[in-house]
């Protein structure tokens, strides 16, 4: 099993959201990141700080 780094996960998260996955559990599944949850959290946080991803309460994550 390859380690999913924050950098790899950031790319996968953007791809997953583009594919219509907006809820956390759907994005995690699409990224195959179930075993890399801490890196997933860091990656999605970095994407938000960078302004690439926004969170809409009750709706999930979207590309900005």
PDB file of N, CA and C in Angstrom:
ATOM      1  N   UNK A   1       0.839  -1.176   0.000  1.00  0.00           N
ATOM      2  CA  UNK A   1       0.000   0.000   0.000  1.00  0.00           C
ATOM      3  C   UNK A   1       0.890   1.248   0.000  1.00  0.00           C
ATOM      4  N   UNK A   2       0.637   2.136  -0.940  1.00  0.00           N
ATOM      5  CA  UNK A   2       1.401   3.377  -1.031  1.00  0.00           C
ATOM      6  C   UNK A   2       0.860   4.403  -0.037  1.00  0.00           C
ATOM      7  N   UNK A   3       1.758   5.168   0.545  1.00  0.00           N
ATOM      8  CA  UNK A   3       1.356   6.223   1.473  1.00  0.00           C
ATOM      9  C   UNK A   3       0.734   7.370   0.678  1.00  0.00           C
ATOM     10  N   UNK A   4      -0.417   7.815   1.130  1.00  0.00           N
ATOM     11  CA  UNK A   4      -1.060   8.956   0.495  1.00  0.00           C
ATOM     12  C   UNK A   4      -0.616  10.222   1.215  1.00  0.00           C
ATOM     13  N   UNK A   5       0.267  10.952   0.577  1.00  0.00           N
ATOM     14  CA  UNK A   5       0.775  12.188   1.156  1.00  0.00           C
ATOM     15  C   UNK A   5      -0.266  13.292   1.015  1.00  0.00           C
ATOM     16  N   UNK A   6      -0.044  14.371   1.716  1.00  0.00           N
ATOM     17  CA  UNK A   6      -0.944  15.521   1.631  1.00  0.00           C
ATOM     18  C   UNK A   6      -0.994  16.034   0.193  1.00  0.00           C
ATOM     19  N   UNK A   7       0.148  16.101  -0.473  1.00  0.00           N
ATOM     20  CA  UNK A   7       0.195  16.580  -1.858  1.00  0.00           C
ATOM     21  C   UNK A   7      -0.625  15.720  -2.803  1.00  0.00           C
ATOM     22  N   UNK A   8      -0.498  14.413  -2.673  1.00  0.00           N
ATOM     23  CA  UNK A   8      -1.279  13.498  -3.514  1.00  0.00           C
ATOM     24  C   UNK A   8      -2.758  13.648  -3.203  1.00  0.00           C
ATOM     25  N   UNK A   9      -3.084  13.729  -1.932  1.00  0.00           N
ATOM     26  CA  UNK A   9      -4.488  13.844  -1.544  1.00  0.00           C
ATOM     27  C   UNK A   9      -5.116  15.147  -2.022  1.00  0.00           C
ATOM     28  N   UNK A  10      -4.358  16.219  -2.029  1.00  0.00           N
ATOM     29  CA  UNK A  10      -4.901  17.490  -2.520  1.00  0.00           C
ATOM     30  C   UNK A  10      -5.355  17.350  -3.972  1.00  0.00           C
ATOM     31  N   UNK A  11      -4.552  16.688  -4.791  1.00  0.00           N
ATOM     32  CA  UNK A  11      -4.920  16.471  -6.191  1.00  0.00           C
ATOM     33  C   UNK A  11      -6.143  15.576  -6.299  1.00  0.00           C
ATOM     34  N   UNK A  12      -6.175  14.526  -5.486  1.00  0.00           N
ATOM     35  CA  UNK A  12      -7.308  13.600  -5.517  1.00  0.00           C
ATOM     36  C   UNK A  12      -8.595  14.264  -5.024  1.00  0.00           C
ATOM     37  N   UNK A  13      -8.479  15.116  -4.013  1.00  0.00           N
ATOM     38  CA  UNK A  13      -9.656  15.811  -3.482  1.00  0.00           C
ATOM     39  C   UNK A  13     -10.254  16.722  -4.545  1.00  0.00           C
ATOM     40  N   UNK A  14      -9.416  17.489  -5.222  1.00  0.00           N
ATOM     41  CA  UNK A  14      -9.907  18.384  -6.275  1.00  0.00           C
ATOM     42  C   UNK A  14     -10.607  17.560  -7.365  1.00  0.00           C
ATOM     43  N   UNK A  15     -10.004  16.455  -7.754  1.00  0.00           N
ATOM     44  CA  UNK A  15     -10.590  15.583  -8.786  1.00  0.00           C
ATOM     45  C   UNK A  15     -11.932  15.010  -8.308  1.00  0.00           C
ATOM     46  N   UNK A  16     -11.987  14.610  -7.041  1.00  0.00           N
ATOM     47  CA  UNK A  16     -13.216  14.041  -6.486  1.00  0.00           C
ATOM     48  C   UNK A  16     -14.345  15.071  -6.454  1.00  0.00           C
ATOM     49  N   UNK A  17     -14.019  16.296  -6.067  1.00  0.00           N
ATOM     50  CA  UNK A  17     -15.041  17.349  -6.022  1.00  0.00           C
ATOM     51  C   UNK A  17     -15.506  17.683  -7.440  1.00  0.00           C
ATOM     52  N   UNK A  18     -14.575  17.741  -8.392  1.00  0.00           N
ATOM     53  CA  UNK A  18     -14.947  17.985  -9.791  1.00  0.00           C
ATOM     54  C   UNK A  18     -15.898  16.908 -10.304  1.00  0.00           C
ATOM     55  N   UNK A  19     -15.757  15.701  -9.774  1.00  0.00           N
ATOM     56  CA  UNK A  19     -16.593  14.578 -10.198  1.00  0.00           C
ATOM     57  C   UNK A  19     -17.945  14.550  -9.488  1.00  0.00           C
ATOM     58  N   UNK A  20     -18.197  15.541  -8.634  1.00  0.00           N
ATOM     59  CA  UNK A  20     -19.505  15.642  -7.995  1.00  0.00           C
ATOM     60  C   UNK A  20     -19.577  15.124  -6.570  1.00  0.00           C
ATOM     61  N   UNK A  21     -18.460  14.760  -5.989  1.00  0.00           N
ATOM     62  CA  UNK A  21     -18.429  14.315  -4.593  1.00  0.00           C
ATOM     63  C   UNK A  21     -18.262  15.546  -3.707  1.00  0.00           C
ATOM     64  N   UNK A  22     -19.282  15.859  -2.923  1.00  0.00           N
ATOM     65  CA  UNK A  22     -19.232  17.066  -2.115  1.00  0.00           C
ATOM     66  C   UNK A  22     -19.201  16.806  -0.612  1.00  0.00           C
ATOM     67  N   UNK A  23     -19.692  15.683  -0.194  1.00  0.00           N
ATOM     68  CA  UNK A  23     -19.697  15.344   1.235  1.00  0.00           C
ATOM     69  C   UNK A  23     -18.376  14.683   1.605  1.00  0.00           C
ATOM     70  N   UNK A  24     -17.931  14.914   2.830  1.00  0.00           N
ATOM     71  CA  UNK A  24     -16.640  14.385   3.286  1.00  0.00           C
ATOM     72  C   UNK A  24     -16.508  12.890   3.050  1.00  0.00           C
ATOM     73  N   UNK A  25     -17.519  12.133   3.445  1.00  0.00           N
ATOM     74  CA  UNK A  25     -17.408  10.677   3.317  1.00  0.00           C
ATOM     75  C   UNK A  25     -17.307  10.239   1.860  1.00  0.00           C
ATOM     76  N   UNK A  26     -17.970  10.957   0.951  1.00  0.00           N
ATOM     77  CA  UNK A  26     -17.866  10.628  -0.475  1.00  0.00           C
ATOM     78  C   UNK A  26     -16.487  10.980  -1.028  1.00  0.00           C
ATOM     79  N   UNK A  27     -15.939  12.100  -0.582  1.00  0.00           N
ATOM     80  CA  UNK A  27     -14.609  12.517  -1.042  1.00  0.00           C
ATOM     81  C   UNK A  27     -13.553  11.547  -0.536  1.00  0.00           C
ATOM     82  N   UNK A  28     -13.655  11.163   0.738  1.00  0.00           N
ATOM     83  CA  UNK A  28     -12.702  10.207   1.308  1.00  0.00           C
ATOM     84  C   UNK A  28     -12.744   8.895   0.533  1.00  0.00           C
ATOM     85  N   UNK A  29     -13.939   8.421   0.241  1.00  0.00           N
ATOM     86  CA  UNK A  29     -14.087   7.168  -0.502  1.00  0.00           C
ATOM     87  C   UNK A  29     -13.521   7.303  -1.914  1.00  0.00           C
ATOM     88  N   UNK A  30     -13.830   8.407  -2.592  1.00  0.00           N
ATOM     89  CA  UNK A  30     -13.344   8.619  -3.956  1.00  0.00           C
ATOM     90  C   UNK A  30     -11.819   8.723  -3.996  1.00  0.00           C
ATOM     91  N   UNK A  31     -11.226   9.244  -2.928  1.00  0.00           N
ATOM     92  CA  UNK A  31      -9.767   9.393  -2.852  1.00  0.00           C
ATOM     93  C   UNK A  31      -9.079   8.134  -2.342  1.00  0.00           C
ATOM     94  N   UNK A  32      -9.861   7.155  -1.923  1.00  0.00           N
ATOM     95  CA  UNK A  32      -9.330   5.928  -1.323  1.00  0.00           C
ATOM     96  C   UNK A  32      -8.453   6.281  -0.120  1.00  0.00           C
ATOM     97  N   UNK A  33      -8.969   7.207   0.704  1.00  0.00           N
ATOM     98  CA  UNK A  33      -8.174   7.767   1.800  1.00  0.00           C
ATOM     99  C   UNK A  33      -8.640   7.320   3.183  1.00  0.00           C
ATOM    100  N   UNK A  34      -9.409   6.239   3.254  1.00  0.00           N
ATOM    101  CA  UNK A  34      -9.934   5.788   4.537  1.00  0.00           C
ATOM    102  C   UNK A  34      -8.827   5.557   5.570  1.00  0.00           C
ATOM    103  N   UNK A  35      -7.695   5.038   5.145  1.00  0.00           N
ATOM    104  CA  UNK A  35      -6.602   4.745   6.071  1.00  0.00           C
ATOM    105  C   UNK A  35      -5.653   5.926   6.271  1.00  0.00           C
ATOM    106  N   UNK A  36      -5.919   7.025   5.588  1.00  0.00           N
ATOM    107  CA  UNK A  36      -5.044   8.202   5.642  1.00  0.00           C
ATOM    108  C   UNK A  36      -5.834   9.440   6.070  1.00  0.00           C
ATOM    109  N   UNK A  37      -6.723   9.256   7.047  1.00  0.00           N
ATOM    110  CA  UNK A  37      -7.631  10.320   7.440  1.00  0.00           C
ATOM    111  C   UNK A  37      -6.914  11.578   7.921  1.00  0.00           C
ATOM    112  N   UNK A  38      -5.847  11.428   8.697  1.00  0.00           N
ATOM    113  CA  UNK A  38      -5.152  12.622   9.201  1.00  0.00           C
ATOM    114  C   UNK A  38      -4.547  13.421   8.044  1.00  0.00           C
ATOM    115  N   UNK A  39      -3.980  12.748   7.059  1.00  0.00           N
ATOM    116  CA  UNK A  39      -3.446  13.454   5.887  1.00  0.00           C
ATOM    117  C   UNK A  39      -4.579  14.056   5.060  1.00  0.00           C
ATOM    118  N   UNK A  40      -5.722  13.370   4.994  1.00  0.00           N
ATOM    119  CA  UNK A  40      -6.884  13.915   4.288  1.00  0.00           C
ATOM    120  C   UNK A  40      -7.310  15.240   4.920  1.00  0.00           C
ATOM    121  N   UNK A  41      -7.386  15.262   6.253  1.00  0.00           N
ATOM    122  CA  UNK A  41      -7.794  16.484   6.958  1.00  0.00           C
ATOM    123  C   UNK A  41      -6.816  17.632   6.702  1.00  0.00           C
ATOM    124  N   UNK A  42      -5.526  17.325   6.723  1.00  0.00           N
ATOM    125  CA  UNK A  42      -4.516  18.347   6.431  1.00  0.00           C
ATOM    126  C   UNK A  42      -4.656  18.850   5.004  1.00  0.00           C
ATOM    127  N   UNK A  43      -4.887  17.938   4.068  1.00  0.00           N
ATOM    128  CA  UNK A  43      -4.988  18.310   2.656  1.00  0.00           C
ATOM    129  C   UNK A  43      -6.198  19.194   2.402  1.00  0.00           C
ATOM    130  N   UNK A  44      -7.347  18.831   2.939  1.00  0.00           N
ATOM    131  CA  UNK A  44      -8.550  19.636   2.688  1.00  0.00           C
ATOM    132  C   UNK A  44      -8.445  20.993   3.389  1.00  0.00           C
ATOM    133  N   UNK A  45      -7.777  21.019   4.550  1.00  0.00           N
ATOM    134  CA  UNK A  45      -7.558  22.293   5.244  1.00  0.00           C
ATOM    135  C   UNK A  45      -6.642  23.197   4.418  1.00  0.00           C
ATOM    136  N   UNK A  46      -5.573  22.639   3.864  1.00  0.00           N
ATOM    137  CA  UNK A  46      -4.667  23.430   3.023  1.00  0.00           C
ATOM    138  C   UNK A  46      -5.394  23.966   1.791  1.00  0.00           C
ATOM    139  N   UNK A  47      -6.240  23.145   1.183  1.00  0.00           N
ATOM    140  CA  UNK A  47      -6.994  23.604   0.014  1.00  0.00           C
ATOM    141  C   UNK A  47      -7.932  24.749   0.378  1.00  0.00           C
ATOM    142  N   UNK A  48      -8.492  24.711   1.576  1.00  0.00           N
ATOM    143  CA  UNK A  48      -9.363  25.797   2.013  1.00  0.00           C
ATOM    144  C   UNK A  48      -8.560  27.069   2.275  1.00  0.00           C
ATOM    145  N   UNK A  49      -7.415  26.948   2.941  1.00  0.00           N
ATOM    146  CA  UNK A  49      -6.568  28.112   3.216  1.00  0.00           C
ATOM    147  C   UNK A  49      -6.083  28.736   1.903  1.00  0.00           C
ATOM    148  N   UNK A  50      -5.779  27.899   0.923  1.00  0.00           N
ATOM    149  CA  UNK A  50      -5.328  28.378  -0.385  1.00  0.00           C
ATOM    150  C   UNK A  50      -6.466  28.987  -1.197  1.00  0.00           C
ATOM    151  N   UNK A  51      -7.708  28.807  -0.744  1.00  0.00           N
ATOM    152  CA  UNK A  51      -8.864  29.360  -1.446  1.00  0.00           C
ATOM    153  C   UNK A  51      -9.336  28.520  -2.623  1.00  0.00           C
ATOM    154  N   UNK A  52      -8.865  27.298  -2.731  1.00  0.00           N
ATOM    155  CA  UNK A  52      -9.254  26.433  -3.846  1.00  0.00           C
ATOM    156  C   UNK A  52     -10.546  25.673  -3.567  1.00  0.00           C
ATOM    157  N   UNK A  53     -10.824  25.439  -2.296  1.00  0.00           N
ATOM    158  CA  UNK A  53     -12.013  24.700  -1.890  1.00  0.00           C
ATOM    159  C   UNK A  53     -12.727  25.502  -0.813  1.00  0.00           C
ATOM    160  N   UNK A  54     -14.052  25.528  -0.905  1.00  0.00           N
ATOM    161  CA  UNK A  54     -14.857  26.179   0.125  1.00  0.00           C
ATOM    162  C   UNK A  54     -15.850  25.170   0.683  1.00  0.00           C
ATOM    163  N   UNK A  55     -16.256  25.390   1.923  1.00  0.00           N
ATOM    164  CA  UNK A  55     -17.250  24.529   2.557  1.00  0.00           C
ATOM    165  C   UNK A  55     -18.539  25.314   2.709  1.00  0.00           C
ATOM    166  N   UNK A  56     -19.633  24.746   2.190  1.00  0.00           N
ATOM    167  CA  UNK A  56     -20.947  25.354   2.338  1.00  0.00           C
ATOM    168  C   UNK A  56     -21.721  24.522   3.350  1.00  0.00           C
ATOM    169  N   UNK A  57     -22.085  25.139   4.448  1.00  0.00           N
ATOM    170  CA  UNK A  57     -22.746  24.432   5.542  1.00  0.00           C
ATOM    171  C   UNK A  57     -23.961  23.654   5.055  1.00  0.00           C
ATOM    172  N   UNK A  58     -23.984  22.375   5.386  1.00  0.00           N
ATOM    173  CA  UNK A  58     -25.086  21.513   4.999  1.00  0.00           C
ATOM    174  C   UNK A  58     -25.017  20.983   3.591  1.00  0.00           C
ATOM    175  N   UNK A  59     -24.155  21.556   2.752  1.00  0.00           N
ATOM    176  CA  UNK A  59     -24.064  21.137   1.354  1.00  0.00           C
ATOM    177  C   UNK A  59     -22.763  20.416   1.042  1.00  0.00           C
ATOM    178  N   UNK A  60     -21.688  20.754   1.758  1.00  0.00           N
ATOM    179  CA  UNK A  60     -20.417  20.077   1.544  1.00  0.00           C
ATOM    180  C   UNK A  60     -19.371  20.984   0.929  1.00  0.00           C
ATOM    181  N   UNK A  61     -18.400  20.345   0.286  1.00  0.00           N
ATOM    182  CA  UNK A  61     -17.245  21.046  -0.268  1.00  0.00           C
ATOM    183  C   UNK A  61     -17.430  21.318  -1.754  1.00  0.00           C
ATOM    184  N   UNK A  62     -16.979  22.494  -2.180  1.00  0.00           N
ATOM    185  CA  UNK A  62     -17.059  22.906  -3.585  1.00  0.00           C
ATOM    186  C   UNK A  62     -15.775  23.609  -3.983  1.00  0.00           C
ATOM    187  N   UNK A  63     -15.460  23.544  -5.269  1.00  0.00           N
ATOM    188  CA  UNK A  63     -14.310  24.269  -5.782  1.00  0.00           C
ATOM    189  C   UNK A  63     -14.644  25.739  -5.842  1.00  0.00           C
ATOM    190  N   UNK A  64     -13.699  26.565  -5.508  1.00  0.00           N
ATOM    191  CA  UNK A  64     -13.913  28.015  -5.490  1.00  0.00           C
ATOM    192  C   UNK A  64     -13.489  28.628  -6.809  1.00  0.00           C
TER     193      UNK A  64
END
